[in-house]
Amino acid sequence: MNIWVEWWKIPNTNSGSHAQMNKNMSIYKPDPEDIQRRFFDTHDPARKYAKQKCAEGYYATVKEDRSL
Protein backbone atom coordinates (compact mmCIF):
# COMPACT_ATOMS: atom_id res chain seq x y z
CA MET A 1 0.00 0.00 0.00
CA ASN A 2 1.37 3.42 -0.98
CA ILE A 3 0.48 6.57 0.95
CA TRP A 4 1.15 10.03 -0.44
CA VAL A 5 0.17 13.66 -0.01
CA GLU A 6 -0.83 15.76 -3.01
CA TRP A 7 -0.86 19.55 -2.72
CA TRP A 8 -1.28 22.59 -4.94
CA LYS A 9 -1.66 26.33 -4.52
CA ILE A 10 -5.19 27.66 -4.11
CA PRO A 11 -5.83 30.64 -6.44
CA ASN A 12 -6.97 33.83 -4.70
CA THR A 13 -10.52 34.77 -5.77
CA ASN A 14 -11.25 37.49 -3.20
CA SER A 15 -13.09 40.52 -4.54
CA GLY A 16 -11.70 42.97 -1.99
CA SER A 17 -14.63 42.90 0.42
CA HIS A 18 -15.23 40.25 3.04
CA ALA A 19 -18.96 41.06 3.18
CA GLN A 20 -19.79 40.47 -0.47
CA MET A 21 -19.43 37.34 -2.52
CA ASN A 22 -19.35 37.99 -6.24
CA LYS A 23 -19.57 34.34 -7.32
CA ASN A 24 -20.10 30.91 -5.84
CA MET A 25 -17.00 28.97 -4.90
CA SER A 26 -16.20 26.09 -7.21
CA ILE A 27 -13.76 23.23 -6.90
CA TYR A 28 -10.46 24.20 -8.45
CA LYS A 29 -8.84 21.41 -10.44
CA PRO A 30 -5.24 22.29 -11.26
CA ASP A 31 -3.18 21.04 -14.15
CA PRO A 32 -1.58 17.68 -13.35
CA GLU A 33 1.82 19.38 -13.77
CA ASP A 34 1.02 21.77 -10.88
CA ILE A 35 0.26 18.98 -8.39
CA GLN A 36 3.17 18.13 -6.11
CA ARG A 37 3.47 14.79 -4.32
CA ARG A 38 5.36 13.35 -1.38
CA PHE A 39 5.26 9.69 -0.34
CA PHE A 40 5.11 8.33 3.23
CA ASP A 41 5.33 4.96 4.97
CA THR A 42 2.44 5.49 7.42
CA HIS A 43 -0.66 7.66 7.77
CA ASP A 44 0.38 9.74 10.80
CA PRO A 45 3.30 11.60 9.17
CA ALA A 46 1.23 12.03 6.00
CA ARG A 47 -1.62 13.68 7.93
CA LYS A 48 0.80 15.96 9.77
CA TYR A 49 2.44 17.01 6.51
CA ALA A 50 -0.96 17.67 4.89
CA LYS A 51 -1.95 19.89 7.84
CA GLN A 52 1.33 21.77 7.51
CA LYS A 53 0.75 22.38 3.80
CA CYS A 54 -2.81 23.59 4.48
CA ALA A 55 -1.44 26.06 7.03
CA GLU A 56 0.97 27.33 4.37
CA GLY A 57 -1.93 28.14 2.01
CA TYR A 58 -2.04 25.02 -0.13
CA TYR A 59 -4.85 22.55 -0.72
CA ALA A 60 -3.56 19.16 0.46
CA THR A 61 -5.03 15.66 0.44
CA VAL A 62 -3.78 12.33 1.74
CA LYS A 63 -4.23 9.52 -0.78
CA GLU A 64 -3.49 5.84 -0.85
CA ASP A 65 -3.82 2.96 -3.24
CA ARG A 66 -5.20 -0.31 -2.05
CA SER A 67 -3.11 -3.23 -3.21
CA LEU A 68 -4.04 -6.82 -2.44
PDB file of N, CA and C in Angstrom:
ATOM      1  N   MET A   1       0.844  -1.168   0.000  1.00  0.00           N
ATOM      2  CA  MET A   1       0.000   0.000   0.000  1.00  0.00           C
ATOM      3  C   MET A   1       0.896   1.239   0.000  1.00  0.00           C
ATOM      4  N   ASN A   2       0.637   2.152  -0.901  1.00  0.00           N
ATOM      5  CA  ASN A   2       1.366   3.418  -0.984  1.00  0.00           C
ATOM      6  C   ASN A   2       0.517   4.531  -0.395  1.00  0.00           C
ATOM      7  N   ILE A   3       1.147   5.419   0.350  1.00  0.00           N
ATOM      8  CA  ILE A   3       0.475   6.573   0.951  1.00  0.00           C
ATOM      9  C   ILE A   3       1.227   7.812   0.494  1.00  0.00           C
ATOM     10  N   TRP A   4       0.492   8.810  -0.009  1.00  0.00           N
ATOM     11  CA  TRP A   4       1.149  10.034  -0.437  1.00  0.00           C
ATOM     12  C   TRP A   4       0.254  11.235  -0.168  1.00  0.00           C
ATOM     13  N   VAL A   5       0.880  12.393  -0.171  1.00  0.00           N
ATOM     14  CA  VAL A   5       0.171  13.663  -0.013  1.00  0.00           C
ATOM     15  C   VAL A   5       0.307  14.419  -1.324  1.00  0.00           C
ATOM     16  N   GLU A   6      -0.817  14.901  -1.824  1.00  0.00           N
ATOM     17  CA  GLU A   6      -0.826  15.765  -3.013  1.00  0.00           C
ATOM     18  C   GLU A   6      -1.218  17.154  -2.570  1.00  0.00           C
ATOM     19  N   TRP A   7      -0.507  18.182  -3.066  1.00  0.00           N
ATOM     20  CA  TRP A   7      -0.861  19.552  -2.720  1.00  0.00           C
ATOM     21  C   TRP A   7      -0.629  20.463  -3.902  1.00  0.00           C
ATOM     22  N   TRP A   8      -1.423  21.555  -3.926  1.00  0.00           N
ATOM     23  CA  TRP A   8      -1.280  22.589  -4.940  1.00  0.00           C
ATOM     24  C   TRP A   8      -1.760  23.899  -4.361  1.00  0.00           C
ATOM     25  N   LYS A   9      -1.329  24.988  -4.982  1.00  0.00           N
ATOM     26  CA  LYS A   9      -1.657  26.328  -4.518  1.00  0.00           C
ATOM     27  C   LYS A   9      -3.104  26.647  -4.864  1.00  0.00           C
ATOM     28  N   ILE A  10      -3.803  27.243  -3.907  1.00  0.00           N
ATOM     29  CA  ILE A  10      -5.187  27.662  -4.114  1.00  0.00           C
ATOM     30  C   ILE A  10      -5.167  29.067  -4.703  1.00  0.00           C
ATOM     31  N   PRO A  11      -5.817  29.290  -5.865  1.00  0.00           N
ATOM     32  CA  PRO A  11      -5.828  30.639  -6.436  1.00  0.00           C
ATOM     33  C   PRO A  11      -6.674  31.586  -5.588  1.00  0.00           C
ATOM     34  N   ASN A  12      -6.265  32.826  -5.483  1.00  0.00           N
ATOM     35  CA  ASN A  12      -6.969  33.827  -4.697  1.00  0.00           C
ATOM     36  C   ASN A  12      -8.107  34.404  -5.531  1.00  0.00           C
ATOM     37  N   THR A  13      -9.349  34.265  -5.040  1.00  0.00           N
ATOM     38  CA  THR A  13     -10.521  34.767  -5.766  1.00  0.00           C
ATOM     39  C   THR A  13     -11.270  35.817  -4.958  1.00  0.00           C
ATOM     40  N   ASN A  14     -10.602  36.460  -4.007  1.00  0.00           N
ATOM     41  CA  ASN A  14     -11.251  37.493  -3.204  1.00  0.00           C
ATOM     42  C   ASN A  14     -11.555  38.714  -4.047  1.00  0.00           C
ATOM     43  N   SER A  15     -12.683  39.352  -3.768  1.00  0.00           N
ATOM     44  CA  SER A  15     -13.088  40.517  -4.539  1.00  0.00           C
ATOM     45  C   SER A  15     -12.718  41.827  -3.847  1.00  0.00           C
ATOM     46  N   GLY A  16     -12.094  41.758  -2.684  1.00  0.00           N
ATOM     47  CA  GLY A  16     -11.702  42.966  -1.988  1.00  0.00           C
ATOM     48  C   GLY A  16     -12.578  43.286  -0.802  1.00  0.00           C
ATOM     49  N   SER A  17     -13.734  42.664  -0.692  1.00  0.00           N
ATOM     50  CA  SER A  17     -14.632  42.903   0.421  1.00  0.00           C
ATOM     51  C   SER A  17     -15.003  41.570   1.057  1.00  0.00           C
ATOM     52  N   HIS A  18     -14.886  41.491   2.377  1.00  0.00           N
ATOM     53  CA  HIS A  18     -15.231  40.251   3.045  1.00  0.00           C
ATOM     54  C   HIS A  18     -16.744  40.067   3.189  1.00  0.00           C
ATOM     55  N   ALA A  19     -17.516  41.126   2.975  1.00  0.00           N
ATOM     56  CA  ALA A  19     -18.958  41.058   3.184  1.00  0.00           C
ATOM     57  C   ALA A  19     -19.721  40.672   1.923  1.00  0.00           C
ATOM     58  N   GLN A  20     -19.089  40.760   0.773  1.00  0.00           N
ATOM     59  CA  GLN A  20     -19.789  40.472  -0.472  1.00  0.00           C
ATOM     60  C   GLN A  20     -19.109  39.319  -1.192  1.00  0.00           C
ATOM     61  N   MET A  21     -19.938  38.462  -1.748  1.00  0.00           N
ATOM     62  CA  MET A  21     -19.435  37.339  -2.523  1.00  0.00           C
ATOM     63  C   MET A  21     -19.900  37.537  -3.953  1.00  0.00           C
ATOM     64  N   ASN A  22     -18.955  37.687  -4.879  1.00  0.00           N
ATOM     65  CA  ASN A  22     -19.353  37.985  -6.244  1.00  0.00           C
ATOM     66  C   ASN A  22     -19.676  36.741  -7.060  1.00  0.00           C
ATOM     67  N   LYS A  23     -19.206  35.562  -6.623  1.00  0.00           N
ATOM     68  CA  LYS A  23     -19.566  34.338  -7.325  1.00  0.00           C
ATOM     69  C   LYS A  23     -19.457  33.177  -6.359  1.00  0.00           C
ATOM     70  N   ASN A  24     -20.154  32.103  -6.674  1.00  0.00           N
ATOM     71  CA  ASN A  24     -20.103  30.913  -5.836  1.00  0.00           C
ATOM     72  C   ASN A  24     -18.746  30.242  -5.974  1.00  0.00           C
ATOM     73  N   MET A  25     -18.273  29.674  -4.875  1.00  0.00           N
ATOM     74  CA  MET A  25     -17.005  28.966  -4.904  1.00  0.00           C
ATOM     75  C   MET A  25     -17.169  27.668  -5.684  1.00  0.00           C
ATOM     76  N   SER A  26     -16.191  27.338  -6.478  1.00  0.00           N
ATOM     77  CA  SER A  26     -16.203  26.087  -7.212  1.00  0.00           C
ATOM     78  C   SER A  26     -14.923  25.327  -6.883  1.00  0.00           C
ATOM     79  N   ILE A  27     -14.940  24.047  -7.156  1.00  0.00           N
ATOM     80  CA  ILE A  27     -13.763  23.232  -6.895  1.00  0.00           C
ATOM     81  C   ILE A  27     -12.732  23.524  -7.970  1.00  0.00           C
ATOM     82  N   TYR A  28     -11.551  23.872  -7.536  1.00  0.00           N
ATOM     83  CA  TYR A  28     -10.462  24.202  -8.446  1.00  0.00           C
ATOM     84  C   TYR A  28      -9.676  22.934  -8.746  1.00  0.00           C
ATOM     85  N   LYS A  29      -9.609  22.577 -10.013  1.00  0.00           N
ATOM     86  CA  LYS A  29      -8.844  21.410 -10.441  1.00  0.00           C
ATOM     87  C   LYS A  29      -7.611  21.904 -11.206  1.00  0.00           C
ATOM     88  N   PRO A  30      -6.444  21.778 -10.613  1.00  0.00           N
ATOM     89  CA  PRO A  30      -5.239  22.293 -11.261  1.00  0.00           C
ATOM     90  C   PRO A  30      -4.768  21.369 -12.383  1.00  0.00           C
ATOM     91  N   ASP A  31      -3.826  21.875 -13.156  1.00  0.00           N
ATOM     92  CA  ASP A  31      -3.176  21.037 -14.154  1.00  0.00           C
ATOM     93  C   ASP A  31      -2.403  19.934 -13.436  1.00  0.00           C
ATOM     94  N   PRO A  32      -2.341  18.755 -14.004  1.00  0.00           N
ATOM     95  CA  PRO A  32      -1.577  17.682 -13.355  1.00  0.00           C
ATOM     96  C   PRO A  32      -0.110  18.051 -13.139  1.00  0.00           C
ATOM     97  N   GLU A  33       0.429  18.952 -13.941  1.00  0.00           N
ATOM     98  CA  GLU A  33       1.822  19.383 -13.772  1.00  0.00           C
ATOM     99  C   GLU A  33       2.003  20.244 -12.529  1.00  0.00           C
ATOM    100  N   ASP A  34       0.938  20.891 -12.049  1.00  0.00           N
ATOM    101  CA  ASP A  34       1.017  21.765 -10.879  1.00  0.00           C
ATOM    102  C   ASP A  34       0.863  21.018  -9.564  1.00  0.00           C
ATOM    103  N   ILE A  35       0.451  19.760  -9.614  1.00  0.00           N
ATOM    104  CA  ILE A  35       0.256  18.977  -8.394  1.00  0.00           C
ATOM    105  C   ILE A  35       1.603  18.422  -7.949  1.00  0.00           C
ATOM    106  N   GLN A  36       1.934  18.658  -6.679  1.00  0.00           N
ATOM    107  CA  GLN A  36       3.170  18.128  -6.110  1.00  0.00           C
ATOM    108  C   GLN A  36       2.826  16.960  -5.202  1.00  0.00           C
ATOM    109  N   ARG A  37       3.725  15.994  -5.100  1.00  0.00           N
ATOM    110  CA  ARG A  37       3.470  14.788  -4.324  1.00  0.00           C
ATOM    111  C   ARG A  37       4.661  14.461  -3.434  1.00  0.00           C
ATOM    112  N   ARG A  38       4.337  13.872  -2.286  1.00  0.00           N
ATOM    113  CA  ARG A  38       5.358  13.352  -1.383  1.00  0.00           C
ATOM    114  C   ARG A  38       4.828  12.050  -0.793  1.00  0.00           C
ATOM    115  N   PHE A  39       5.666  11.017  -0.794  1.00  0.00           N
ATOM    116  CA  PHE A  39       5.260   9.690  -0.343  1.00  0.00           C
ATOM    117  C   PHE A  39       5.686   9.447   1.100  1.00  0.00           C
ATOM    118  N   PHE A  40       4.874   8.640   1.823  1.00  0.00           N
ATOM    119  CA  PHE A  40       5.107   8.326   3.231  1.00  0.00           C
ATOM    120  C   PHE A  40       4.911   6.842   3.471  1.00  0.00           C
ATOM    121  N   ASP A  41       5.474   6.372   4.594  1.00  0.00           N
ATOM    122  CA  ASP A  41       5.332   4.963   4.971  1.00  0.00           C
ATOM    123  C   ASP A  41       4.049   4.705   5.751  1.00  0.00           C
ATOM    124  N   THR A  42       3.633   5.664   6.587  1.00  0.00           N
ATOM    125  CA  THR A  42       2.441   5.492   7.423  1.00  0.00           C
ATOM    126  C   THR A  42       1.544   6.719   7.318  1.00  0.00           C
ATOM    127  N   HIS A  43       0.337   6.588   7.870  1.00  0.00           N
ATOM    128  CA  HIS A  43      -0.655   7.660   7.774  1.00  0.00           C
ATOM    129  C   HIS A  43      -0.353   8.860   8.665  1.00  0.00           C
ATOM    130  N   ASP A  44       0.177   8.633   9.858  1.00  0.00           N
ATOM    131  CA  ASP A  44       0.382   9.737  10.799  1.00  0.00           C
ATOM    132  C   ASP A  44       1.290  10.836  10.253  1.00  0.00           C
ATOM    133  N   PRO A  45       2.477  10.529   9.736  1.00  0.00           N
ATOM    134  CA  PRO A  45       3.302  11.603   9.169  1.00  0.00           C
ATOM    135  C   PRO A  45       2.654  12.253   7.941  1.00  0.00           C
ATOM    136  N   ALA A  46       1.895  11.475   7.180  1.00  0.00           N
ATOM    137  CA  ALA A  46       1.226  12.025   5.998  1.00  0.00           C
ATOM    138  C   ALA A  46       0.171  13.043   6.412  1.00  0.00           C
ATOM    139  N   ARG A  47      -0.611  12.732   7.445  1.00  0.00           N
ATOM    140  CA  ARG A  47      -1.624  13.677   7.933  1.00  0.00           C
ATOM    141  C   ARG A  47      -0.983  14.940   8.490  1.00  0.00           C
ATOM    142  N   LYS A  48       0.107  14.795   9.222  1.00  0.00           N
ATOM    143  CA  LYS A  48       0.798  15.961   9.774  1.00  0.00           C
ATOM    144  C   LYS A  48       1.347  16.849   8.664  1.00  0.00           C
ATOM    145  N   TYR A  49       1.894  16.229   7.627  1.00  0.00           N
ATOM    146  CA  TYR A  49       2.436  17.007   6.513  1.00  0.00           C
ATOM    147  C   TYR A  49       1.313  17.713   5.750  1.00  0.00           C
ATOM    148  N   ALA A  50       0.173  17.047   5.582  1.00  0.00           N
ATOM    149  CA  ALA A  50      -0.956  17.675   4.892  1.00  0.00           C
ATOM    150  C   ALA A  50      -1.472  18.869   5.690  1.00  0.00           C
ATOM    151  N   LYS A  51      -1.537  18.756   7.010  1.00  0.00           N
ATOM    152  CA  LYS A  51      -1.952  19.893   7.839  1.00  0.00           C
ATOM    153  C   LYS A  51      -0.978  21.051   7.713  1.00  0.00           C
ATOM    154  N   GLN A  52       0.311  20.733   7.658  1.00  0.00           N
ATOM    155  CA  GLN A  52       1.334  21.766   7.511  1.00  0.00           C
ATOM    156  C   GLN A  52       1.169  22.500   6.183  1.00  0.00           C
ATOM    157  N   LYS A  53       0.928  21.758   5.117  1.00  0.00           N
ATOM    158  CA  LYS A  53       0.749  22.384   3.803  1.00  0.00           C
ATOM    159  C   LYS A  53      -0.519  23.231   3.757  1.00  0.00           C
ATOM    160  N   CYS A  54      -1.587  22.794   4.423  1.00  0.00           N
ATOM    161  CA  CYS A  54      -2.812  23.591   4.480  1.00  0.00           C
ATOM    162  C   CYS A  54      -2.563  24.897   5.229  1.00  0.00           C
ATOM    163  N   ALA A  55      -1.771  24.853   6.282  1.00  0.00           N
ATOM    164  CA  ALA A  55      -1.444  26.059   7.034  1.00  0.00           C
ATOM    165  C   ALA A  55      -0.591  27.014   6.208  1.00  0.00           C
ATOM    166  N   GLU A  56       0.139  26.502   5.242  1.00  0.00           N
ATOM    167  CA  GLU A  56       0.971  27.332   4.369  1.00  0.00           C
ATOM    168  C   GLU A  56       0.184  27.921   3.203  1.00  0.00           C
ATOM    169  N   GLY A  57      -1.100  27.569   3.068  1.00  0.00           N
ATOM    170  CA  GLY A  57      -1.929  28.143   2.007  1.00  0.00           C
ATOM    171  C   GLY A  57      -2.141  27.242   0.811  1.00  0.00           C
ATOM    172  N   TYR A  58      -1.843  25.971   0.942  1.00  0.00           N
ATOM    173  CA  TYR A  58      -2.042  25.019  -0.130  1.00  0.00           C
ATOM    174  C   TYR A  58      -3.280  24.165   0.159  1.00  0.00           C
ATOM    175  N   TYR A  59      -3.825  23.558  -0.881  1.00  0.00           N
ATOM    176  CA  TYR A  59      -4.855  22.546  -0.715  1.00  0.00           C
ATOM    177  C   TYR A  59      -4.135  21.208  -0.723  1.00  0.00           C
ATOM    178  N   ALA A  60      -4.296  20.418   0.332  1.00  0.00           N
ATOM    179  CA  ALA A  60      -3.563  19.159   0.457  1.00  0.00           C
ATOM    180  C   ALA A  60      -4.520  18.015   0.767  1.00  0.00           C
ATOM    181  N   THR A  61      -4.246  16.862   0.167  1.00  0.00           N
ATOM    182  CA  THR A  61      -5.030  15.663   0.435  1.00  0.00           C
ATOM    183  C   THR A  61      -4.087  14.484   0.649  1.00  0.00           C
ATOM    184  N   VAL A  62      -4.505  13.576   1.522  1.00  0.00           N
ATOM    185  CA  VAL A  62      -3.776  12.327   1.736  1.00  0.00           C
ATOM    186  C   VAL A  62      -4.453  11.259   0.893  1.00  0.00           C
ATOM    187  N   LYS A  63      -3.668  10.560   0.087  1.00  0.00           N
ATOM    188  CA  LYS A  63      -4.229   9.525  -0.778  1.00  0.00           C
ATOM    189  C   LYS A  63      -3.476   8.225  -0.561  1.00  0.00           C
ATOM    190  N   GLU A  64      -4.125   7.145  -0.929  1.00  0.00           N
ATOM    191  CA  GLU A  64      -3.492   5.843  -0.849  1.00  0.00           C
ATOM    192  C   GLU A  64      -4.084   4.933  -1.910  1.00  0.00           C
ATOM    193  N   ASP A  65      -3.293   3.974  -2.340  1.00  0.00           N
ATOM    194  CA  ASP A  65      -3.816   2.964  -3.244  1.00  0.00           C
ATOM    195  C   ASP A  65      -3.925   1.661  -2.473  1.00  0.00           C
ATOM    196  N   ARG A  66      -4.953   0.945  -2.746  1.00  0.00           N
ATOM    197  CA  ARG A  66      -5.201  -0.306  -2.051  1.00  0.00           C
ATOM    198  C   ARG A  66      -4.676  -1.449  -2.917  1.00  0.00           C
ATOM    199  N   SER A  67      -3.626  -2.084  -2.468  1.00  0.00           N
ATOM    200  CA  SER A  67      -3.115  -3.234  -3.205  1.00  0.00           C
ATOM    201  C   SER A  67      -3.408  -4.501  -2.412  1.00  0.00           C
ATOM    202  N   LEU A  68      -3.698  -5.553  -3.104  1.00  0.00           N
ATOM    203  CA  LEU A  68      -4.044  -6.819  -2.439  1.00  0.00           C
ATOM    204  C   LEU A  68      -2.824  -7.663  -2.235  1.00  0.00           C
TER     205      LEU A  68
END
